[in-house]
């Protein structure tokens, strides 16, 4: 693959990502009062079926910096969708736990999320 083809492929990836993120922000925000990153955090916790998720592991899963994830978790915590707590074994570690309300909001938003992804990736 020549250099121009590689750059064109990269531009296609960026365009698809931007289109998808904008569509997710709009749909999740309008229908469920969630941002795309907020949904992604809930989705990763639910998919892992964890009672609690270490913040650093969650940052790696959702591809956010620790400070960006901290802001997302703070918004989710303020909305009552997650709680934060210290690790019993290592007081420096922080866990994020999804609440029942968080599970309910995730379950309600999941079909919207999946519909947007299908529209972008399957219908395209």
PDB file of N, CA and C in Angstrom:
ATOM      1  N   UNK A   1       0.865  -1.169   0.000  1.00  0.00           N
ATOM      2  CA  UNK A   1       0.000   0.000   0.000  1.00  0.00           C
ATOM      3  C   UNK A   1       0.913   1.234   0.000  1.00  0.00           C
ATOM      4  N   UNK A   2       0.636   2.145  -0.917  1.00  0.00           N
ATOM      5  CA  UNK A   2       1.481   3.330  -0.991  1.00  0.00           C
ATOM      6  C   UNK A   2       1.086   4.353   0.075  1.00  0.00           C
ATOM      7  N   UNK A   3       1.944   5.344   0.225  1.00  0.00           N
ATOM      8  CA  UNK A   3       1.758   6.348   1.278  1.00  0.00           C
ATOM      9  C   UNK A   3       0.421   7.078   1.154  1.00  0.00           C
ATOM     10  N   UNK A   4       0.022   7.440  -0.037  1.00  0.00           N
ATOM     11  CA  UNK A   4      -1.241   8.150  -0.231  1.00  0.00           C
ATOM     12  C   UNK A   4      -2.430   7.288   0.160  1.00  0.00           C
ATOM     13  N   UNK A   5      -2.366   6.002  -0.147  1.00  0.00           N
ATOM     14  CA  UNK A   5      -3.443   5.088   0.218  1.00  0.00           C
ATOM     15  C   UNK A   5      -3.541   4.939   1.735  1.00  0.00           C
ATOM     16  N   UNK A   6      -2.391   4.890   2.397  1.00  0.00           N
ATOM     17  CA  UNK A   6      -2.367   4.785   3.860  1.00  0.00           C
ATOM     18  C   UNK A   6      -2.991   6.035   4.483  1.00  0.00           C
ATOM     19  N   UNK A   7      -2.609   7.197   3.978  1.00  0.00           N
ATOM     20  CA  UNK A   7      -3.157   8.454   4.503  1.00  0.00           C
ATOM     21  C   UNK A   7      -4.658   8.531   4.218  1.00  0.00           C
ATOM     22  N   UNK A   8      -5.091   8.109   3.045  1.00  0.00           N
ATOM     23  CA  UNK A   8      -6.518   8.110   2.701  1.00  0.00           C
ATOM     24  C   UNK A   8      -7.293   7.172   3.635  1.00  0.00           C
ATOM     25  N   UNK A   9      -6.714   6.004   3.934  1.00  0.00           N
ATOM     26  CA  UNK A   9      -7.362   5.065   4.862  1.00  0.00           C
ATOM     27  C   UNK A   9      -7.479   5.690   6.246  1.00  0.00           C
ATOM     28  N   UNK A  10      -6.428   6.369   6.690  1.00  0.00           N
ATOM     29  CA  UNK A  10      -6.455   7.048   7.989  1.00  0.00           C
ATOM     30  C   UNK A  10      -7.549   8.108   8.014  1.00  0.00           C
ATOM     31  N   UNK A  11      -7.662   8.895   6.964  1.00  0.00           N
ATOM     32  CA  UNK A  11      -8.704   9.920   6.892  1.00  0.00           C
ATOM     33  C   UNK A  11     -10.098   9.301   6.923  1.00  0.00           C
ATOM     34  N   UNK A  12     -10.257   8.149   6.293  1.00  0.00           N
ATOM     35  CA  UNK A  12     -11.543   7.442   6.337  1.00  0.00           C
ATOM     36  C   UNK A  12     -11.887   7.010   7.766  1.00  0.00           C
ATOM     37  N   UNK A  13     -10.879   6.499   8.478  1.00  0.00           N
ATOM     38  CA  UNK A  13     -11.091   6.096   9.873  1.00  0.00           C
ATOM     39  C   UNK A  13     -11.519   7.299  10.719  1.00  0.00           C
ATOM     40  N   UNK A  14     -10.815   8.407  10.562  1.00  0.00           N
ATOM     41  CA  UNK A  14     -11.151   9.613  11.323  1.00  0.00           C
ATOM     42  C   UNK A  14     -12.561  10.101  10.998  1.00  0.00           C
ATOM     43  N   UNK A  15     -12.933  10.089   9.726  1.00  0.00           N
ATOM     44  CA  UNK A  15     -14.268  10.542   9.324  1.00  0.00           C
ATOM     45  C   UNK A  15     -15.350   9.631   9.900  1.00  0.00           C
ATOM     46  N   UNK A  16     -15.137   8.326   9.855  1.00  0.00           N
ATOM     47  CA  UNK A  16     -16.119   7.363  10.395  1.00  0.00           C
ATOM     48  C   UNK A  16     -16.252   7.545  11.910  1.00  0.00           C
ATOM     49  N   UNK A  17     -15.119   7.742  12.584  1.00  0.00           N
ATOM     50  CA  UNK A  17     -15.141   7.958  14.028  1.00  0.00           C
ATOM     51  C   UNK A  17     -15.913   9.230  14.370  1.00  0.00           C
ATOM     52  N   UNK A  18     -15.627  10.314  13.676  1.00  0.00           N
ATOM     53  CA  UNK A  18     -16.304  11.588  13.947  1.00  0.00           C
ATOM     54  C   UNK A  18     -17.802  11.471  13.686  1.00  0.00           C
ATOM     55  N   UNK A  19     -18.172  10.845  12.588  1.00  0.00           N
ATOM     56  CA  UNK A  19     -19.592  10.663  12.259  1.00  0.00           C
ATOM     57  C   UNK A  19     -20.291   9.839  13.336  1.00  0.00           C
ATOM     58  N   UNK A  20     -19.658   8.773  13.750  1.00  0.00           N
ATOM     59  CA  UNK A  20     -20.242   7.888  14.759  1.00  0.00           C
ATOM     60  C   UNK A  20     -20.364   8.591  16.102  1.00  0.00           C
ATOM     61  N   UNK A  21     -19.313   9.265  16.527  1.00  0.00           N
ATOM     62  CA  UNK A  21     -19.336   9.948  17.821  1.00  0.00           C
ATOM     63  C   UNK A  21     -20.402  11.041  17.852  1.00  0.00           C
ATOM     64  N   UNK A  22     -20.510  11.808  16.782  1.00  0.00           N
ATOM     65  CA  UNK A  22     -21.541  12.857  16.726  1.00  0.00           C
ATOM     66  C   UNK A  22     -22.939  12.256  16.788  1.00  0.00           C
ATOM     67  N   UNK A  23     -23.158  11.180  16.052  1.00  0.00           N
ATOM     68  CA  UNK A  23     -24.469  10.523  16.055  1.00  0.00           C
ATOM     69  C   UNK A  23     -24.792   9.949  17.436  1.00  0.00           C
ATOM     70  N   UNK A  24     -23.795   9.353  18.094  1.00  0.00           N
ATOM     71  CA  UNK A  24     -24.015   8.810  19.436  1.00  0.00           C
ATOM     72  C   UNK A  24     -24.306   9.917  20.441  1.00  0.00           C
ATOM     73  N   UNK A  25     -23.527  10.999  20.389  1.00  0.00           N
ATOM     74  CA  UNK A  25     -23.753  12.121  21.316  1.00  0.00           C
ATOM     75  C   UNK A  25     -25.180  12.654  21.170  1.00  0.00           C
ATOM     76  N   UNK A  26     -25.606  12.833  19.932  1.00  0.00           N
ATOM     77  CA  UNK A  26     -26.935  13.383  19.670  1.00  0.00           C
ATOM     78  C   UNK A  26     -28.038  12.424  20.165  1.00  0.00           C
ATOM     79  N   UNK A  27     -27.978  11.178  19.748  1.00  0.00           N
ATOM     80  CA  UNK A  27     -29.034  10.217  20.081  1.00  0.00           C
ATOM     81  C   UNK A  27     -29.080   9.903  21.572  1.00  0.00           C
ATOM     82  N   UNK A  28     -27.920   9.620  22.160  1.00  0.00           N
ATOM     83  CA  UNK A  28     -27.895   9.285  23.588  1.00  0.00           C
ATOM     84  C   UNK A  28     -28.264  10.494  24.447  1.00  0.00           C
ATOM     85  N   UNK A  29     -27.825  11.671  24.027  1.00  0.00           N
ATOM     86  CA  UNK A  29     -28.140  12.887  24.778  1.00  0.00           C
ATOM     87  C   UNK A  29     -29.621  13.213  24.739  1.00  0.00           C
ATOM     88  N   UNK A  30     -30.203  13.159  23.547  1.00  0.00           N
ATOM     89  CA  UNK A  30     -31.618  13.508  23.392  1.00  0.00           C
ATOM     90  C   UNK A  30     -32.543  12.498  24.066  1.00  0.00           C
ATOM     91  N   UNK A  31     -32.232  11.231  23.924  1.00  0.00           N
ATOM     92  CA  UNK A  31     -33.155  10.184  24.399  1.00  0.00           C
ATOM     93  C   UNK A  31     -32.888   9.714  25.825  1.00  0.00           C
ATOM     94  N   UNK A  32     -31.624   9.831  26.281  1.00  0.00           N
ATOM     95  CA  UNK A  32     -31.282   9.206  27.564  1.00  0.00           C
ATOM     96  C   UNK A  32     -30.466  10.103  28.491  1.00  0.00           C
ATOM     97  N   UNK A  33     -30.222  11.326  28.085  1.00  0.00           N
ATOM     98  CA  UNK A  33     -29.442  12.274  28.885  1.00  0.00           C
ATOM     99  C   UNK A  33     -28.076  11.693  29.269  1.00  0.00           C
ATOM    100  N   UNK A  34     -27.427  11.047  28.296  1.00  0.00           N
ATOM    101  CA  UNK A  34     -26.093  10.483  28.478  1.00  0.00           C
ATOM    102  C   UNK A  34     -25.210  10.937  27.328  1.00  0.00           C
ATOM    103  N   UNK A  35     -23.939  11.175  27.615  1.00  0.00           N
ATOM    104  CA  UNK A  35     -22.969  11.398  26.566  1.00  0.00           C
ATOM    105  C   UNK A  35     -22.407  10.066  26.101  1.00  0.00           C
ATOM    106  N   UNK A  36     -21.708  10.080  24.984  1.00  0.00           N
ATOM    107  CA  UNK A  36     -21.132   8.849  24.447  1.00  0.00           C
ATOM    108  C   UNK A  36     -20.114   8.236  25.415  1.00  0.00           C
ATOM    109  N   UNK A  37     -19.275   9.057  26.028  1.00  0.00           N
ATOM    110  CA  UNK A  37     -18.286   8.541  26.983  1.00  0.00           C
ATOM    111  C   UNK A  37     -18.965   8.000  28.234  1.00  0.00           C
ATOM    112  N   UNK A  38     -20.006   8.663  28.672  1.00  0.00           N
ATOM    113  CA  UNK A  38     -20.746   8.188  29.847  1.00  0.00           C
ATOM    114  C   UNK A  38     -21.362   6.821  29.563  1.00  0.00           C
ATOM    115  N   UNK A  39     -21.990   6.689  28.392  1.00  0.00           N
ATOM    116  CA  UNK A  39     -22.561   5.395  28.036  1.00  0.00           C
ATOM    117  C   UNK A  39     -21.469   4.337  27.956  1.00  0.00           C
ATOM    118  N   UNK A  40     -20.335   4.687  27.352  1.00  0.00           N
ATOM    119  CA  UNK A  40     -19.249   3.721  27.181  1.00  0.00           C
ATOM    120  C   UNK A  40     -18.747   3.202  28.531  1.00  0.00           C
ATOM    121  N   UNK A  41     -18.654   4.074  29.517  1.00  0.00           N
ATOM    122  CA  UNK A  41     -18.239   3.648  30.855  1.00  0.00           C
ATOM    123  C   UNK A  41     -19.262   2.671  31.424  1.00  0.00           C
ATOM    124  N   UNK A  42     -20.536   3.019  31.355  1.00  0.00           N
ATOM    125  CA  UNK A  42     -21.580   2.107  31.853  1.00  0.00           C
ATOM    126  C   UNK A  42     -21.551   0.788  31.083  1.00  0.00           C
ATOM    127  N   UNK A  43     -21.381   0.860  29.773  1.00  0.00           N
ATOM    128  CA  UNK A  43     -21.385  -0.333  28.925  1.00  0.00           C
ATOM    129  C   UNK A  43     -20.238  -1.270  29.283  1.00  0.00           C
ATOM    130  N   UNK A  44     -19.063  -0.720  29.531  1.00  0.00           N
ATOM    131  CA  UNK A  44     -17.912  -1.559  29.885  1.00  0.00           C
ATOM    132  C   UNK A  44     -18.111  -2.218  31.239  1.00  0.00           C
ATOM    133  N   UNK A  45     -18.673  -1.485  32.184  1.00  0.00           N
ATOM    134  CA  UNK A  45     -18.906  -2.071  33.510  1.00  0.00           C
ATOM    135  C   UNK A  45     -19.932  -3.193  33.406  1.00  0.00           C
ATOM    136  N   UNK A  46     -21.020  -2.934  32.689  1.00  0.00           N
ATOM    137  CA  UNK A  46     -22.068  -3.946  32.543  1.00  0.00           C
ATOM    138  C   UNK A  46     -21.552  -5.158  31.762  1.00  0.00           C
ATOM    139  N   UNK A  47     -20.830  -4.916  30.682  1.00  0.00           N
ATOM    140  CA  UNK A  47     -20.322  -6.017  29.850  1.00  0.00           C
ATOM    141  C   UNK A  47     -19.363  -6.901  30.635  1.00  0.00           C
ATOM    142  N   UNK A  48     -18.576  -6.297  31.510  1.00  0.00           N
ATOM    143  CA  UNK A  48     -17.644  -7.066  32.324  1.00  0.00           C
ATOM    144  C   UNK A  48     -18.316  -7.749  33.491  1.00  0.00           C
ATOM    145  N   UNK A  49     -19.565  -7.366  33.747  1.00  0.00           N
ATOM    146  CA  UNK A  49     -20.356  -7.903  34.858  1.00  0.00           C
ATOM    147  C   UNK A  49     -19.586  -7.831  36.174  1.00  0.00           C
ATOM    148  N   UNK A  50     -18.868  -6.715  36.336  1.00  0.00           N
ATOM    149  CA  UNK A  50     -18.110  -6.500  37.561  1.00  0.00           C
ATOM    150  C   UNK A  50     -18.973  -5.797  38.599  1.00  0.00           C
ATOM    151  N   UNK A  51     -18.765  -6.141  39.833  1.00  0.00           N
ATOM    152  CA  UNK A  51     -19.382  -5.387  40.918  1.00  0.00           C
ATOM    153  C   UNK A  51     -18.674  -4.048  41.067  1.00  0.00           C
ATOM    154  N   UNK A  52     -17.354  -4.069  40.798  1.00  0.00           N
ATOM    155  CA  UNK A  52     -16.575  -2.841  40.859  1.00  0.00           C
ATOM    156  C   UNK A  52     -15.441  -2.932  39.840  1.00  0.00           C
ATOM    157  N   UNK A  53     -15.030  -1.781  39.358  1.00  0.00           N
ATOM    158  CA  UNK A  53     -14.046  -1.685  38.287  1.00  0.00           C
ATOM    159  C   UNK A  53     -12.985  -0.683  38.722  1.00  0.00           C
ATOM    160  N   UNK A  54     -11.724  -1.059  38.713  1.00  0.00           N
ATOM    161  CA  UNK A  54     -10.648  -0.113  39.050  1.00  0.00           C
ATOM    162  C   UNK A  54     -10.621   1.011  38.028  1.00  0.00           C
ATOM    163  N   UNK A  55     -10.431   2.237  38.488  1.00  0.00           N
ATOM    164  CA  UNK A  55     -10.438   3.397  37.605  1.00  0.00           C
ATOM    165  C   UNK A  55      -9.387   3.262  36.510  1.00  0.00           C
ATOM    166  N   UNK A  56      -8.181   2.824  36.847  1.00  0.00           N
ATOM    167  CA  UNK A  56      -7.134   2.705  35.833  1.00  0.00           C
ATOM    168  C   UNK A  56      -7.512   1.684  34.769  1.00  0.00           C
ATOM    169  N   UNK A  57      -8.085   0.562  35.167  1.00  0.00           N
ATOM    170  CA  UNK A  57      -8.509  -0.451  34.200  1.00  0.00           C
ATOM    171  C   UNK A  57      -9.623   0.098  33.308  1.00  0.00           C
ATOM    172  N   UNK A  58     -10.524   0.846  33.899  1.00  0.00           N
ATOM    173  CA  UNK A  58     -11.619   1.443  33.147  1.00  0.00           C
ATOM    174  C   UNK A  58     -11.094   2.476  32.151  1.00  0.00           C
ATOM    175  N   UNK A  59     -10.111   3.257  32.541  1.00  0.00           N
ATOM    176  CA  UNK A  59      -9.503   4.245  31.633  1.00  0.00           C
ATOM    177  C   UNK A  59      -8.910   3.540  30.419  1.00  0.00           C
ATOM    178  N   UNK A  60      -8.257   2.416  30.642  1.00  0.00           N
ATOM    179  CA  UNK A  60      -7.687   1.649  29.531  1.00  0.00           C
ATOM    180  C   UNK A  60      -8.776   1.088  28.622  1.00  0.00           C
ATOM    181  N   UNK A  61      -9.867   0.638  29.208  1.00  0.00           N
ATOM    182  CA  UNK A  61     -10.980   0.054  28.454  1.00  0.00           C
ATOM    183  C   UNK A  61     -11.683   1.073  27.563  1.00  0.00           C
ATOM    184  N   UNK A  62     -11.882   2.279  28.059  1.00  0.00           N
ATOM    185  CA  UNK A  62     -12.663   3.280  27.321  1.00  0.00           C
ATOM    186  C   UNK A  62     -11.783   4.269  26.571  1.00  0.00           C
ATOM    187  N   UNK A  63     -10.473   4.074  26.628  1.00  0.00           N
ATOM    188  CA  UNK A  63      -9.519   4.893  25.876  1.00  0.00           C
ATOM    189  C   UNK A  63      -9.622   6.375  26.213  1.00  0.00           C
ATOM    190  N   UNK A  64      -9.695   6.659  27.507  1.00  0.00           N
ATOM    191  CA  UNK A  64      -9.687   8.029  28.003  1.00  0.00           C
ATOM    192  C   UNK A  64      -8.503   8.189  28.939  1.00  0.00           C
ATOM    193  N   UNK A  65      -8.013   9.414  29.038  1.00  0.00           N
ATOM    194  CA  UNK A  65      -6.979   9.677  30.036  1.00  0.00           C
ATOM    195  C   UNK A  65      -7.623   9.529  31.412  1.00  0.00           C
ATOM    196  N   UNK A  66      -6.800   9.369  32.423  1.00  0.00           N
ATOM    197  CA  UNK A  66      -7.343   9.215  33.765  1.00  0.00           C
ATOM    198  C   UNK A  66      -8.099  10.474  34.195  1.00  0.00           C
ATOM    199  N   UNK A  67      -7.627  11.653  33.798  1.00  0.00           N
ATOM    200  CA  UNK A  67      -8.329  12.888  34.182  1.00  0.00           C
ATOM    201  C   UNK A  67      -9.656  13.015  33.439  1.00  0.00           C
ATOM    202  N   UNK A  68      -9.693  12.638  32.158  1.00  0.00           N
ATOM    203  CA  UNK A  68     -10.958  12.687  31.410  1.00  0.00           C
ATOM    204  C   UNK A  68     -11.945  11.682  31.987  1.00  0.00           C
ATOM    205  N   UNK A  69     -11.464  10.488  32.315  1.00  0.00           N
ATOM    206  CA  UNK A  69     -12.346   9.487  32.919  1.00  0.00           C
ATOM    207  C   UNK A  69     -12.853   9.967  34.268  1.00  0.00           C
ATOM    208  N   UNK A  70     -12.008  10.618  35.036  1.00  0.00           N
ATOM    209  CA  UNK A  70     -12.419  11.135  36.335  1.00  0.00           C
ATOM    210  C   UNK A  70     -13.592  12.108  36.187  1.00  0.00           C
ATOM    211  N   UNK A  71     -13.549  12.960  35.167  1.00  0.00           N
ATOM    212  CA  UNK A  71     -14.656  13.896  34.923  1.00  0.00           C
ATOM    213  C   UNK A  71     -15.930  13.155  34.517  1.00  0.00           C
ATOM    214  N   UNK A  72     -15.793  12.124  33.676  1.00  0.00           N
ATOM    215  CA  UNK A  72     -16.956  11.325  33.266  1.00  0.00           C
ATOM    216  C   UNK A  72     -17.558  10.624  34.474  1.00  0.00           C
ATOM    217  N   UNK A  73     -16.714  10.010  35.284  1.00  0.00           N
ATOM    218  CA  UNK A  73     -17.193   9.297  36.476  1.00  0.00           C
ATOM    219  C   UNK A  73     -17.856  10.274  37.445  1.00  0.00           C
ATOM    220  N   UNK A  74     -17.309  11.465  37.582  1.00  0.00           N
ATOM    221  CA  UNK A  74     -17.927  12.464  38.462  1.00  0.00           C
ATOM    222  C   UNK A  74     -19.328  12.815  37.984  1.00  0.00           C
ATOM    223  N   UNK A  75     -19.516  12.968  36.670  1.00  0.00           N
ATOM    224  CA  UNK A  75     -20.855  13.253  36.129  1.00  0.00           C
ATOM    225  C   UNK A  75     -21.801  12.087  36.383  1.00  0.00           C
ATOM    226  N   UNK A  76     -21.316  10.867  36.176  1.00  0.00           N
ATOM    227  CA  UNK A  76     -22.140   9.682  36.412  1.00  0.00           C
ATOM    228  C   UNK A  76     -22.490   9.541  37.889  1.00  0.00           C
ATOM    229  N   UNK A  77     -21.530   9.845  38.745  1.00  0.00           N
ATOM    230  CA  UNK A  77     -21.764   9.774  40.184  1.00  0.00           C
ATOM    231  C   UNK A  77     -22.795  10.815  40.610  1.00  0.00           C
ATOM    232  N   UNK A  78     -22.677  12.026  40.089  1.00  0.00           N
ATOM    233  CA  UNK A  78     -23.628  13.096  40.407  1.00  0.00           C
ATOM    234  C   UNK A  78     -25.042  12.710  39.971  1.00  0.00           C
ATOM    235  N   UNK A  79     -25.155  11.976  38.857  1.00  0.00           N
ATOM    236  CA  UNK A  79     -26.450  11.532  38.349  1.00  0.00           C
ATOM    237  C   UNK A  79     -26.965  10.293  39.076  1.00  0.00           C
ATOM    238  N   UNK A  80     -26.161   9.731  39.986  1.00  0.00           N
ATOM    239  CA  UNK A  80     -26.582   8.546  40.737  1.00  0.00           C
ATOM    240  C   UNK A  80     -26.430   7.240  39.976  1.00  0.00           C
ATOM    241  N   UNK A  81     -25.616   7.241  38.912  1.00  0.00           N
ATOM    242  CA  UNK A  81     -25.477   6.053  38.081  1.00  0.00           C
ATOM    243  C   UNK A  81     -24.299   5.170  38.484  1.00  0.00           C
ATOM    244  N   UNK A  82     -23.328   5.743  39.181  1.00  0.00           N
ATOM    245  CA  UNK A  82     -22.195   4.985  39.717  1.00  0.00           C
ATOM    246  C   UNK A  82     -21.836   5.550  41.086  1.00  0.00           C
ATOM    247  N   UNK A  83     -21.058   4.774  41.817  1.00  0.00           N
ATOM    248  CA  UNK A  83     -20.452   5.248  43.064  1.00  0.00           C
ATOM    249  C   UNK A  83     -18.961   4.969  42.971  1.00  0.00           C
ATOM    250  N   UNK A  84     -18.193   5.698  43.766  1.00  0.00           N
ATOM    251  CA  UNK A  84     -16.749   5.478  43.841  1.00  0.00           C
ATOM    252  C   UNK A  84     -16.393   5.064  45.253  1.00  0.00           C
ATOM    253  N   UNK A  85     -15.383   4.201  45.357  1.00  0.00           N
ATOM    254  CA  UNK A  85     -14.917   3.787  46.670  1.00  0.00           C
ATOM    255  C   UNK A  85     -13.457   3.396  46.626  1.00  0.00           C
ATOM    256  N   UNK A  86     -12.807   3.435  47.777  1.00  0.00           N
ATOM    257  CA  UNK A  86     -11.398   3.078  47.880  1.00  0.00           C
ATOM    258  C   UNK A  86     -11.246   1.560  47.861  1.00  0.00           C
ATOM    259  N   UNK A  87     -10.134   1.133  47.344  1.00  0.00           N
ATOM    260  CA  UNK A  87      -9.789  -0.285  47.322  1.00  0.00           C
ATOM    261  C   UNK A  87      -9.409  -0.728  48.735  1.00  0.00           C
ATOM    262  N   UNK A  88      -9.914  -1.866  49.172  1.00  0.00           N
ATOM    263  CA  UNK A  88      -9.600  -2.386  50.506  1.00  0.00           C
ATOM    264  C   UNK A  88      -8.118  -2.758  50.645  1.00  0.00           C
ATOM    265  N   UNK A  89      -7.542  -3.310  49.567  1.00  0.00           N
ATOM    266  CA  UNK A  89      -6.167  -3.804  49.600  1.00  0.00           C
ATOM    267  C   UNK A  89      -5.144  -2.680  49.407  1.00  0.00           C
ATOM    268  N   UNK A  90      -5.516  -1.670  48.624  1.00  0.00           N
ATOM    269  CA  UNK A  90      -4.588  -0.596  48.275  1.00  0.00           C
ATOM    270  C   UNK A  90      -5.355   0.717  48.326  1.00  0.00           C
ATOM    271  N   UNK A  91      -5.167   1.481  49.367  1.00  0.00           N
ATOM    272  CA  UNK A  91      -5.928   2.714  49.579  1.00  0.00           C
ATOM    273  C   UNK A  91      -5.752   3.735  48.466  1.00  0.00           C
ATOM    274  N   UNK A  92      -4.687   3.584  47.660  1.00  0.00           N
ATOM    275  CA  UNK A  92      -4.497   4.505  46.534  1.00  0.00           C
ATOM    276  C   UNK A  92      -5.413   4.165  45.374  1.00  0.00           C
ATOM    277  N   UNK A  93      -5.881   2.916  45.317  1.00  0.00           N
ATOM    278  CA  UNK A  93      -6.758   2.474  44.237  1.00  0.00           C
ATOM    279  C   UNK A  93      -8.189   2.926  44.461  1.00  0.00           C
ATOM    280  N   UNK A  94      -8.864   3.268  43.384  1.00  0.00           N
ATOM    281  CA  UNK A  94     -10.260   3.695  43.454  1.00  0.00           C
ATOM    282  C   UNK A  94     -11.080   2.785  42.542  1.00  0.00           C
ATOM    283  N   UNK A  95     -12.224   2.349  43.057  1.00  0.00           N
ATOM    284  CA  UNK A  95     -13.139   1.522  42.293  1.00  0.00           C
ATOM    285  C   UNK A  95     -14.362   2.318  41.900  1.00  0.00           C
ATOM    286  N   UNK A  96     -14.931   1.986  40.750  1.00  0.00           N
ATOM    287  CA  UNK A  96     -16.199   2.545  40.302  1.00  0.00           C
ATOM    288  C   UNK A  96     -17.204   1.400  40.309  1.00  0.00           C
ATOM    289  N   UNK A  97     -18.350   1.625  40.939  1.00  0.00           N
ATOM    290  CA  UNK A  97     -19.401   0.616  41.023  1.00  0.00           C
ATOM    291  C   UNK A  97     -20.667   1.168  40.378  1.00  0.00           C
ATOM    292  N   UNK A  98     -21.306   0.380  39.548  1.00  0.00           N
ATOM    293  CA  UNK A  98     -22.548   0.818  38.920  1.00  0.00           C
ATOM    294  C   UNK A  98     -23.696   0.626  39.909  1.00  0.00           C
ATOM    295  N   UNK A  99     -24.634   1.547  39.905  1.00  0.00           N
ATOM    296  CA  UNK A  99     -25.804   1.460  40.771  1.00  0.00           C
ATOM    297  C   UNK A  99     -26.946   0.788  40.006  1.00  0.00           C
ATOM    298  N   UNK A 100     -28.005   0.454  40.716  1.00  0.00           N
ATOM    299  CA  UNK A 100     -29.182  -0.105  40.046  1.00  0.00           C
ATOM    300  C   UNK A 100     -29.739   0.888  39.030  1.00  0.00           C
ATOM    301  N   UNK A 101     -29.745   2.166  39.389  1.00  0.00           N
ATOM    302  CA  UNK A 101     -30.205   3.191  38.453  1.00  0.00           C
ATOM    303  C   UNK A 101     -29.291   3.254  37.225  1.00  0.00           C
ATOM    304  N   UNK A 102     -27.996   3.067  37.434  1.00  0.00           N
ATOM    305  CA  UNK A 102     -27.052   3.033  36.323  1.00  0.00           C
ATOM    306  C   UNK A 102     -27.322   1.862  35.390  1.00  0.00           C
ATOM    307  N   UNK A 103     -27.604   0.703  35.974  1.00  0.00           N
ATOM    308  CA  UNK A 103     -27.937  -0.478  35.152  1.00  0.00           C
ATOM    309  C   UNK A 103     -29.220  -0.234  34.359  1.00  0.00           C
ATOM    310  N   UNK A 104     -30.204   0.382  35.005  1.00  0.00           N
ATOM    311  CA  UNK A 104     -31.474   0.676  34.323  1.00  0.00           C
ATOM    312  C   UNK A 104     -31.270   1.665  33.182  1.00  0.00           C
ATOM    313  N   UNK A 105     -30.502   2.724  33.423  1.00  0.00           N
ATOM    314  CA  UNK A 105     -30.261   3.736  32.384  1.00  0.00           C
ATOM    315  C   UNK A 105     -29.491   3.115  31.227  1.00  0.00           C
ATOM    316  N   UNK A 106     -28.503   2.276  31.548  1.00  0.00           N
ATOM    317  CA  UNK A 106     -27.746   1.582  30.512  1.00  0.00           C
ATOM    318  C   UNK A 106     -28.675   0.701  29.683  1.00  0.00           C
ATOM    319  N   UNK A 107     -29.518  -0.076  30.340  1.00  0.00           N
ATOM    320  CA  UNK A 107     -30.433  -0.980  29.624  1.00  0.00           C
ATOM    321  C   UNK A 107     -31.368  -0.198  28.705  1.00  0.00           C
ATOM    322  N   UNK A 108     -31.825   0.964  29.152  1.00  0.00           N
ATOM    323  CA  UNK A 108     -32.711   1.783  28.320  1.00  0.00           C
ATOM    324  C   UNK A 108     -31.959   2.383  27.133  1.00  0.00           C
ATOM    325  N   UNK A 109     -30.692   2.760  27.328  1.00  0.00           N
ATOM    326  CA  UNK A 109     -29.916   3.422  26.281  1.00  0.00           C
ATOM    327  C   UNK A 109     -29.246   2.446  25.316  1.00  0.00           C
ATOM    328  N   UNK A 110     -29.063   1.220  25.725  1.00  0.00           N
ATOM    329  CA  UNK A 110     -28.339   0.246  24.904  1.00  0.00           C
ATOM    330  C   UNK A 110     -28.939   0.082  23.505  1.00  0.00           C
ATOM    331  N   UNK A 111     -30.258  -0.074  23.355  1.00  0.00           N
ATOM    332  CA  UNK A 111     -30.803  -0.203  21.996  1.00  0.00           C
ATOM    333  C   UNK A 111     -30.528   1.027  21.112  1.00  0.00           C
ATOM    334  N   UNK A 112     -30.556   2.220  21.700  1.00  0.00           N
ATOM    335  CA  UNK A 112     -30.245   3.436  20.947  1.00  0.00           C
ATOM    336  C   UNK A 112     -28.795   3.403  20.487  1.00  0.00           C
ATOM    337  N   UNK A 113     -27.900   3.057  21.386  1.00  0.00           N
ATOM    338  CA  UNK A 113     -26.470   2.965  21.075  1.00  0.00           C
ATOM    339  C   UNK A 113     -26.237   1.979  19.935  1.00  0.00           C
ATOM    340  N   UNK A 114     -26.809   0.789  20.067  1.00  0.00           N
ATOM    341  CA  UNK A 114     -26.604  -0.252  19.066  1.00  0.00           C
ATOM    342  C   UNK A 114     -27.234   0.129  17.723  1.00  0.00           C
ATOM    343  N   UNK A 115     -28.359   0.837  17.743  1.00  0.00           N
ATOM    344  CA  UNK A 115     -29.004   1.280  16.501  1.00  0.00           C
ATOM    345  C   UNK A 115     -28.126   2.283  15.764  1.00  0.00           C
ATOM    346  N   UNK A 116     -27.522   3.203  16.496  1.00  0.00           N
ATOM    347  CA  UNK A 116     -26.615   4.175  15.865  1.00  0.00           C
ATOM    348  C   UNK A 116     -25.425   3.445  15.255  1.00  0.00           C
ATOM    349  N   UNK A 117     -24.836   2.518  15.988  1.00  0.00           N
ATOM    350  CA  UNK A 117     -23.696   1.765  15.446  1.00  0.00           C
ATOM    351  C   UNK A 117     -24.090   0.988  14.196  1.00  0.00           C
ATOM    352  N   UNK A 118     -25.251   0.358  14.244  1.00  0.00           N
ATOM    353  CA  UNK A 118     -25.723  -0.393  13.068  1.00  0.00           C
ATOM    354  C   UNK A 118     -25.941   0.537  11.879  1.00  0.00           C
ATOM    355  N   UNK A 119     -26.496   1.711  12.144  1.00  0.00           N
ATOM    356  CA  UNK A 119     -26.740   2.667  11.073  1.00  0.00           C
ATOM    357  C   UNK A 119     -25.437   3.111  10.426  1.00  0.00           C
ATOM    358  N   UNK A 120     -24.427   3.357  11.227  1.00  0.00           N
ATOM    359  CA  UNK A 120     -23.152   3.834  10.695  1.00  0.00           C
ATOM    360  C   UNK A 120     -22.353   2.717  10.038  1.00  0.00           C
ATOM    361  N   UNK A 121     -22.289   1.563  10.684  1.00  0.00           N
ATOM    362  CA  UNK A 121     -21.388   0.516  10.206  1.00  0.00           C
ATOM    363  C   UNK A 121     -22.039  -0.530   9.303  1.00  0.00           C
ATOM    364  N   UNK A 122     -23.323  -0.788   9.473  1.00  0.00           N
ATOM    365  CA  UNK A 122     -23.987  -1.809   8.666  1.00  0.00           C
ATOM    366  C   UNK A 122     -24.663  -1.174   7.449  1.00  0.00           C
ATOM    367  N   UNK A 123     -25.291  -0.043   7.660  1.00  0.00           N
ATOM    368  CA  UNK A 123     -26.021   0.606   6.575  1.00  0.00           C
ATOM    369  C   UNK A 123     -25.112   1.342   5.606  1.00  0.00           C
ATOM    370  N   UNK A 124     -23.869   1.582   6.039  1.00  0.00           N
ATOM    371  CA  UNK A 124     -22.953   2.394   5.207  1.00  0.00           C
ATOM    372  C   UNK A 124     -22.485   1.668   3.976  1.00  0.00           C
TER     373      UNK A 124
END
